[in-house]
N, C-alpha and C. Protein backbone atom coordinates (compact mmCIF):
# COMPACT_ATOMS: atom_id res chain seq x y z
N MET A 1 -8.25 -1.27 -0.83
CA MET A 1 -7.96 -2.11 0.31
C MET A 1 -7.36 -3.45 -0.14
N VAL A 2 -7.87 -3.97 -1.22
CA VAL A 2 -7.39 -5.27 -1.71
C VAL A 2 -5.95 -5.17 -2.19
N ILE A 3 -5.63 -4.10 -2.91
CA ILE A 3 -4.26 -3.91 -3.39
C ILE A 3 -3.32 -3.80 -2.19
N GLY A 4 -3.71 -3.07 -1.17
CA GLY A 4 -2.90 -2.94 0.04
C GLY A 4 -2.70 -4.28 0.73
N LEU A 5 -3.76 -5.07 0.82
CA LEU A 5 -3.67 -6.39 1.45
C LEU A 5 -2.73 -7.31 0.67
N LEU A 6 -2.88 -7.34 -0.64
CA LEU A 6 -2.01 -8.20 -1.46
C LEU A 6 -0.54 -7.79 -1.35
N PHE A 7 -0.30 -6.49 -1.34
CA PHE A 7 1.08 -5.98 -1.25
C PHE A 7 1.66 -6.30 0.13
N THR A 8 0.84 -6.16 1.17
CA THR A 8 1.29 -6.50 2.53
C THR A 8 1.65 -7.98 2.61
N CYS A 9 0.83 -8.82 2.06
CA CYS A 9 1.10 -10.27 2.06
C CYS A 9 2.39 -10.59 1.31
N HIS A 10 2.62 -9.91 0.20
CA HIS A 10 3.84 -10.12 -0.57
C HIS A 10 5.07 -9.75 0.26
N GLY A 11 5.00 -8.62 0.97
CA GLY A 11 6.11 -8.21 1.83
C GLY A 11 6.33 -9.16 2.98
N ALA A 12 5.24 -9.62 3.61
CA ALA A 12 5.35 -10.56 4.73
C ALA A 12 5.95 -11.89 4.26
N ALA A 13 5.55 -12.34 3.09
CA ALA A 13 6.09 -13.59 2.55
C ALA A 13 7.60 -13.48 2.32
N THR A 14 8.03 -12.34 1.82
CA THR A 14 9.45 -12.14 1.55
C THR A 14 10.26 -11.98 2.83
N LEU A 15 9.75 -11.22 3.77
CA LEU A 15 10.51 -10.96 5.00
C LEU A 15 10.51 -12.12 5.98
N PHE A 16 9.36 -12.78 6.11
CA PHE A 16 9.20 -13.77 7.19
C PHE A 16 9.05 -15.21 6.70
N ASP A 17 9.18 -15.44 5.40
CA ASP A 17 9.08 -16.78 4.83
C ASP A 17 7.75 -17.46 5.21
N VAL A 18 6.65 -16.70 5.08
CA VAL A 18 5.31 -17.21 5.34
C VAL A 18 4.50 -17.11 4.06
N LEU A 19 3.28 -17.62 4.08
CA LEU A 19 2.35 -17.51 2.95
C LEU A 19 2.97 -18.01 1.64
N GLY A 20 3.72 -19.08 1.73
CA GLY A 20 4.35 -19.63 0.54
C GLY A 20 5.78 -19.19 0.33
N GLY A 21 6.25 -18.28 1.15
CA GLY A 21 7.64 -17.83 1.10
C GLY A 21 7.91 -16.82 0.00
N PRO A 22 9.14 -16.33 -0.02
CA PRO A 22 9.50 -15.32 -1.02
C PRO A 22 9.45 -15.88 -2.43
N GLN A 23 8.89 -15.12 -3.34
CA GLN A 23 8.76 -15.58 -4.71
C GLN A 23 10.04 -15.39 -5.51
N GLY A 24 10.93 -14.54 -5.05
CA GLY A 24 12.16 -14.28 -5.77
C GLY A 24 13.32 -15.15 -5.33
N GLY A 25 13.07 -16.19 -4.54
CA GLY A 25 14.15 -17.04 -4.07
C GLY A 25 14.14 -17.16 -2.56
N SER A 26 15.22 -16.71 -1.93
CA SER A 26 15.35 -16.85 -0.48
C SER A 26 15.01 -15.55 0.23
N THR A 27 14.83 -15.67 1.55
CA THR A 27 14.54 -14.51 2.38
C THR A 27 15.79 -13.64 2.44
N PRO A 28 15.67 -12.34 2.14
CA PRO A 28 16.85 -11.47 2.16
C PRO A 28 17.33 -11.20 3.58
N GLN A 29 18.62 -10.93 3.72
CA GLN A 29 19.20 -10.57 5.01
C GLN A 29 18.77 -9.15 5.38
N PRO A 30 18.60 -8.86 6.68
CA PRO A 30 18.22 -7.51 7.08
C PRO A 30 19.19 -6.46 6.52
N GLY A 31 18.62 -5.43 5.90
CA GLY A 31 19.40 -4.35 5.32
C GLY A 31 19.92 -4.61 3.92
N GLN A 32 19.73 -5.81 3.40
CA GLN A 32 20.24 -6.16 2.07
C GLN A 32 19.52 -5.36 0.99
N TRP A 33 20.30 -4.75 0.11
CA TRP A 33 19.75 -3.95 -0.98
C TRP A 33 19.59 -4.80 -2.21
N PRO A 34 18.53 -4.69 -2.95
CA PRO A 34 17.29 -3.98 -2.70
C PRO A 34 16.20 -4.85 -2.09
N GLY A 35 16.45 -6.16 -1.98
CA GLY A 35 15.39 -7.10 -1.60
C GLY A 35 14.75 -6.84 -0.26
N TRP A 36 15.57 -6.65 0.77
CA TRP A 36 15.02 -6.44 2.11
C TRP A 36 14.26 -5.13 2.17
N TRP A 37 14.83 -4.08 1.60
CA TRP A 37 14.18 -2.76 1.62
C TRP A 37 12.87 -2.78 0.83
N ALA A 38 12.87 -3.48 -0.29
CA ALA A 38 11.64 -3.59 -1.08
C ALA A 38 10.56 -4.32 -0.28
N ALA A 39 10.95 -5.37 0.43
CA ALA A 39 9.98 -6.11 1.23
C ALA A 39 9.43 -5.28 2.39
N VAL A 40 10.28 -4.45 2.99
CA VAL A 40 9.81 -3.56 4.05
C VAL A 40 8.81 -2.55 3.49
N ILE A 41 9.12 -2.00 2.31
CA ILE A 41 8.18 -1.07 1.67
C ILE A 41 6.87 -1.78 1.36
N GLN A 42 6.94 -3.02 0.90
CA GLN A 42 5.74 -3.78 0.59
C GLN A 42 4.90 -4.02 1.84
N LEU A 43 5.55 -4.43 2.91
CA LEU A 43 4.83 -4.72 4.15
C LEU A 43 4.24 -3.45 4.76
N ALA A 44 5.06 -2.44 4.97
CA ALA A 44 4.59 -1.22 5.63
C ALA A 44 3.69 -0.39 4.71
N GLY A 45 4.11 -0.20 3.47
CA GLY A 45 3.31 0.60 2.54
C GLY A 45 1.98 -0.03 2.24
N GLY A 46 1.97 -1.35 2.05
CA GLY A 46 0.72 -2.05 1.81
C GLY A 46 -0.21 -1.96 3.01
N ALA A 47 0.35 -2.08 4.22
CA ALA A 47 -0.48 -1.98 5.43
C ALA A 47 -1.06 -0.58 5.58
N LEU A 48 -0.26 0.45 5.26
CA LEU A 48 -0.76 1.83 5.36
C LEU A 48 -1.89 2.07 4.35
N VAL A 49 -1.71 1.58 3.13
CA VAL A 49 -2.77 1.73 2.12
C VAL A 49 -4.01 0.94 2.53
N LEU A 50 -3.82 -0.25 3.03
CA LEU A 50 -4.95 -1.06 3.50
C LEU A 50 -5.73 -0.35 4.60
N ALA A 51 -5.01 0.25 5.54
CA ALA A 51 -5.66 0.92 6.66
C ALA A 51 -6.17 2.31 6.31
N GLY A 52 -5.65 2.90 5.26
CA GLY A 52 -6.06 4.25 4.91
C GLY A 52 -5.32 5.31 5.69
N LEU A 53 -4.10 5.02 6.10
CA LEU A 53 -3.27 5.99 6.81
C LEU A 53 -2.17 6.49 5.87
N PHE A 54 -2.07 7.80 5.72
CA PHE A 54 -1.08 8.40 4.82
C PHE A 54 -1.12 7.72 3.45
N THR A 55 -2.32 7.49 2.96
CA THR A 55 -2.54 6.66 1.79
C THR A 55 -1.82 7.16 0.54
N ARG A 56 -1.95 8.43 0.24
CA ARG A 56 -1.34 8.95 -0.99
C ARG A 56 0.17 8.83 -0.95
N THR A 57 0.78 9.17 0.18
CA THR A 57 2.24 9.09 0.31
C THR A 57 2.70 7.64 0.24
N ALA A 58 2.04 6.76 0.96
CA ALA A 58 2.40 5.34 0.95
C ALA A 58 2.23 4.74 -0.44
N ALA A 59 1.15 5.10 -1.12
CA ALA A 59 0.90 4.57 -2.47
C ALA A 59 1.94 5.07 -3.45
N ALA A 60 2.35 6.33 -3.32
CA ALA A 60 3.39 6.86 -4.21
C ALA A 60 4.71 6.12 -3.98
N LEU A 61 5.06 5.86 -2.73
CA LEU A 61 6.28 5.12 -2.42
C LEU A 61 6.21 3.69 -2.96
N CYS A 62 5.07 3.04 -2.78
CA CYS A 62 4.88 1.68 -3.29
C CYS A 62 4.96 1.65 -4.82
N SER A 63 4.35 2.64 -5.47
CA SER A 63 4.40 2.72 -6.93
C SER A 63 5.84 2.88 -7.41
N GLY A 64 6.57 3.76 -6.76
CA GLY A 64 7.97 3.97 -7.14
C GLY A 64 8.82 2.73 -6.94
N SER A 65 8.57 1.99 -5.87
CA SER A 65 9.36 0.77 -5.64
C SER A 65 9.07 -0.27 -6.72
N MET A 66 7.82 -0.33 -7.17
CA MET A 66 7.49 -1.29 -8.22
C MET A 66 8.00 -0.83 -9.59
N ALA A 67 8.05 0.47 -9.81
CA ALA A 67 8.66 0.98 -11.05
C ALA A 67 10.13 0.62 -11.07
N TYR A 68 10.81 0.80 -9.94
CA TYR A 68 12.23 0.42 -9.83
C TYR A 68 12.39 -1.08 -10.11
N ALA A 69 11.55 -1.90 -9.48
CA ALA A 69 11.64 -3.35 -9.69
C ALA A 69 11.46 -3.69 -11.16
N TYR A 70 10.49 -3.05 -11.80
CA TYR A 70 10.23 -3.37 -13.20
C TYR A 70 11.40 -2.96 -14.09
N PHE A 71 11.83 -1.71 -13.98
CA PHE A 71 12.84 -1.21 -14.91
C PHE A 71 14.24 -1.75 -14.63
N VAL A 72 14.56 -2.07 -13.38
CA VAL A 72 15.90 -2.58 -13.07
C VAL A 72 15.98 -4.09 -13.21
N HIS A 73 14.95 -4.80 -12.77
CA HIS A 73 15.04 -6.27 -12.74
C HIS A 73 14.31 -6.97 -13.87
N HIS A 74 13.24 -6.40 -14.38
CA HIS A 74 12.45 -7.11 -15.39
C HIS A 74 12.70 -6.60 -16.80
N GLN A 75 12.69 -5.32 -17.00
CA GLN A 75 12.75 -4.74 -18.34
C GLN A 75 14.00 -5.13 -19.13
N PRO A 76 15.17 -5.32 -18.50
CA PRO A 76 16.33 -5.78 -19.27
C PRO A 76 16.15 -7.17 -19.90
N GLU A 77 15.21 -7.97 -19.38
CA GLU A 77 14.97 -9.32 -19.90
C GLU A 77 14.07 -9.34 -21.12
N GLY A 78 13.39 -8.25 -21.39
CA GLY A 78 12.49 -8.18 -22.54
C GLY A 78 11.68 -6.91 -22.46
N PHE A 79 11.12 -6.49 -23.59
CA PHE A 79 10.43 -5.21 -23.64
C PHE A 79 9.07 -5.23 -22.94
N LEU A 80 8.29 -6.27 -23.14
CA LEU A 80 6.94 -6.33 -22.59
C LEU A 80 6.89 -7.14 -21.29
N PRO A 81 5.97 -6.79 -20.38
CA PRO A 81 5.87 -7.53 -19.12
C PRO A 81 5.63 -9.02 -19.29
N LEU A 82 4.90 -9.42 -20.33
CA LEU A 82 4.69 -10.86 -20.56
C LEU A 82 5.97 -11.56 -20.96
N GLU A 83 6.89 -10.83 -21.57
CA GLU A 83 8.18 -11.42 -21.97
C GLU A 83 9.17 -11.49 -20.82
N ASN A 84 9.10 -10.52 -19.90
CA ASN A 84 10.14 -10.41 -18.88
C ASN A 84 9.69 -10.80 -17.47
N GLY A 85 8.46 -11.28 -17.31
CA GLY A 85 7.98 -11.71 -16.01
C GLY A 85 7.63 -10.57 -15.07
N GLY A 86 7.45 -9.37 -15.58
CA GLY A 86 7.18 -8.22 -14.74
C GLY A 86 5.73 -7.81 -14.64
N GLU A 87 4.80 -8.73 -14.88
CA GLU A 87 3.38 -8.37 -14.84
C GLU A 87 2.97 -7.85 -13.48
N LYS A 88 3.36 -8.56 -12.40
CA LYS A 88 2.96 -8.12 -11.06
C LYS A 88 3.55 -6.76 -10.73
N ALA A 89 4.82 -6.56 -11.07
CA ALA A 89 5.45 -5.27 -10.78
C ALA A 89 4.74 -4.15 -11.54
N ALA A 90 4.41 -4.38 -12.79
CA ALA A 90 3.72 -3.36 -13.59
C ALA A 90 2.31 -3.09 -13.05
N LEU A 91 1.58 -4.14 -12.72
CA LEU A 91 0.22 -3.97 -12.19
C LEU A 91 0.22 -3.23 -10.85
N PHE A 92 1.11 -3.65 -9.93
CA PHE A 92 1.19 -2.96 -8.65
C PHE A 92 1.61 -1.50 -8.84
N CYS A 93 2.57 -1.25 -9.74
CA CYS A 93 3.03 0.12 -9.99
C CYS A 93 1.88 1.01 -10.42
N TRP A 94 1.12 0.58 -11.41
CA TRP A 94 0.03 1.39 -11.93
C TRP A 94 -1.14 1.48 -10.94
N ALA A 95 -1.42 0.41 -10.22
CA ALA A 95 -2.51 0.45 -9.24
C ALA A 95 -2.19 1.44 -8.12
N PHE A 96 -0.95 1.41 -7.62
CA PHE A 96 -0.58 2.34 -6.57
C PHE A 96 -0.49 3.77 -7.08
N LEU A 97 -0.09 3.95 -8.32
CA LEU A 97 -0.09 5.30 -8.88
C LEU A 97 -1.51 5.85 -8.96
N LEU A 98 -2.45 5.01 -9.33
CA LEU A 98 -3.86 5.41 -9.37
C LEU A 98 -4.37 5.77 -7.97
N ILE A 99 -4.02 4.97 -6.98
CA ILE A 99 -4.42 5.26 -5.60
C ILE A 99 -3.80 6.57 -5.13
N ALA A 100 -2.52 6.79 -5.46
CA ALA A 100 -1.86 8.04 -5.07
C ALA A 100 -2.53 9.24 -5.72
N ALA A 101 -2.99 9.09 -6.94
CA ALA A 101 -3.63 10.21 -7.65
C ALA A 101 -5.06 10.45 -7.18
N LEU A 102 -5.83 9.38 -6.96
CA LEU A 102 -7.25 9.53 -6.62
C LEU A 102 -7.53 9.61 -5.13
N GLY A 103 -6.61 9.15 -4.32
CA GLY A 103 -6.81 9.18 -2.88
C GLY A 103 -7.37 7.89 -2.35
N PRO A 104 -7.62 7.86 -1.05
CA PRO A 104 -7.98 6.62 -0.39
C PRO A 104 -9.43 6.19 -0.50
N GLY A 105 -10.30 7.01 -1.05
CA GLY A 105 -11.71 6.63 -1.12
C GLY A 105 -12.46 7.11 0.10
N ARG A 106 -13.55 6.41 0.44
CA ARG A 106 -14.42 6.92 1.51
C ARG A 106 -14.23 6.26 2.86
N TRP A 107 -13.40 5.22 2.99
CA TRP A 107 -13.27 4.52 4.26
C TRP A 107 -11.88 4.52 4.87
N PRO A 108 -11.04 5.50 4.62
CA PRO A 108 -9.73 5.46 5.27
C PRO A 108 -9.85 5.77 6.77
N VAL A 109 -8.94 5.24 7.54
CA VAL A 109 -8.96 5.44 8.99
C VAL A 109 -8.88 6.93 9.32
N THR A 110 -8.09 7.69 8.59
CA THR A 110 -7.95 9.12 8.88
C THR A 110 -9.28 9.86 8.73
N THR A 111 -10.06 9.52 7.74
CA THR A 111 -11.36 10.16 7.56
C THR A 111 -12.32 9.76 8.67
N LEU A 112 -12.33 8.49 9.03
CA LEU A 112 -13.22 8.03 10.10
C LEU A 112 -12.85 8.68 11.43
N LEU A 113 -11.55 8.83 11.70
CA LEU A 113 -11.13 9.49 12.94
C LEU A 113 -11.50 10.97 12.93
N ALA A 114 -11.36 11.63 11.77
CA ALA A 114 -11.73 13.04 11.67
C ALA A 114 -13.23 13.23 11.88
N ARG A 115 -14.04 12.33 11.33
CA ARG A 115 -15.49 12.41 11.52
C ARG A 115 -15.85 12.26 13.00
N ARG A 116 -15.21 11.32 13.65
CA ARG A 116 -15.47 11.09 15.07
C ARG A 116 -15.06 12.31 15.89
N ARG A 117 -13.89 12.88 15.58
CA ARG A 117 -13.41 14.06 16.28
C ARG A 117 -14.36 15.24 16.08
N ASN A 118 -14.82 15.44 14.85
CA ASN A 118 -15.75 16.53 14.55
C ASN A 118 -17.09 16.34 15.27
N ALA A 119 -17.56 15.11 15.32
CA ALA A 119 -18.83 14.84 15.98
C ALA A 119 -18.74 15.09 17.49
N GLN A 120 -17.59 14.78 18.08
CA GLN A 120 -17.42 14.99 19.51
C GLN A 120 -17.23 16.46 19.86
N SER A 121 -16.63 17.23 18.97
CA SER A 121 -16.34 18.62 19.28
C SER A 121 -17.47 19.57 18.87
N ALA A 122 -18.46 19.11 18.12
CA ALA A 122 -19.57 19.96 17.70
C ALA A 122 -20.44 20.29 18.89
N PRO A 123 -20.89 21.53 19.01
CA PRO A 123 -21.76 21.90 20.13
C PRO A 123 -23.14 21.26 19.99
N HIS A 124 -23.69 20.88 21.09
CA HIS A 124 -25.02 20.27 21.10
C HIS A 124 -26.04 21.32 21.53
N LYS A 125 -27.18 21.35 20.86
CA LYS A 125 -28.26 22.28 21.18
C LYS A 125 -29.50 21.47 21.55
N GLU A 126 -30.18 21.92 22.56
CA GLU A 126 -31.42 21.26 22.95
C GLU A 126 -32.58 22.07 22.40
N VAL A 127 -33.37 21.43 21.54
CA VAL A 127 -34.51 22.10 20.93
C VAL A 127 -35.73 21.22 21.13
N ALA A 128 -36.69 21.73 21.85
CA ALA A 128 -37.97 21.05 22.10
C ALA A 128 -37.78 19.64 22.60
N GLY A 129 -36.83 19.46 23.52
CA GLY A 129 -36.63 18.17 24.15
C GLY A 129 -35.79 17.18 23.37
N THR A 130 -35.24 17.58 22.22
CA THR A 130 -34.37 16.69 21.46
C THR A 130 -33.00 17.33 21.34
N LEU A 131 -32.02 16.53 21.05
CA LEU A 131 -30.67 17.03 20.86
C LEU A 131 -30.36 17.11 19.37
N ASP A 132 -29.94 18.26 18.91
CA ASP A 132 -29.49 18.43 17.52
C ASP A 132 -28.01 18.76 17.55
N THR A 133 -27.29 18.32 16.54
CA THR A 133 -25.86 18.67 16.45
C THR A 133 -25.62 19.57 15.29
C-alpha cells in the first residue's frame, strides 16, 4: 500500500504540479512522450496498487515503466544507481516487480468484495434457534 501511495503521489506531482511539483523539471504537456505517459502510469498504476485492484497487472506495468526510466534515462549516465541518480527508479522497479510476483496481500479491494459477495450468497440454515452460514 505504501509503495502504491508513494507512486501515486509522484504521478500527481508530475501531472498537476502539486506536492512539491515535478522532480524532473516542468509539468509535461498532455500526450508528451515519455514524461506525461509515465506520470499517468504512476498516478493510475500507483492508485490501483494502493487500492488492491488489478494489483498484479498494475504492478507489472509500473515495474516496466520504471525499468524503462532507469535504462533509458539514468543508466547512460553511469553504471550504478548511485552514480546516475536512478535510485528511485530502481527501487520502484524492483518493489513493483515483487508485488507483481507475490500478489496484493490480504487486504486488496477485490478480495474484500469477493468475501462480501460470498457471504451474501451463502445459504443460511437455522439450527436450534441460531443462524449458521
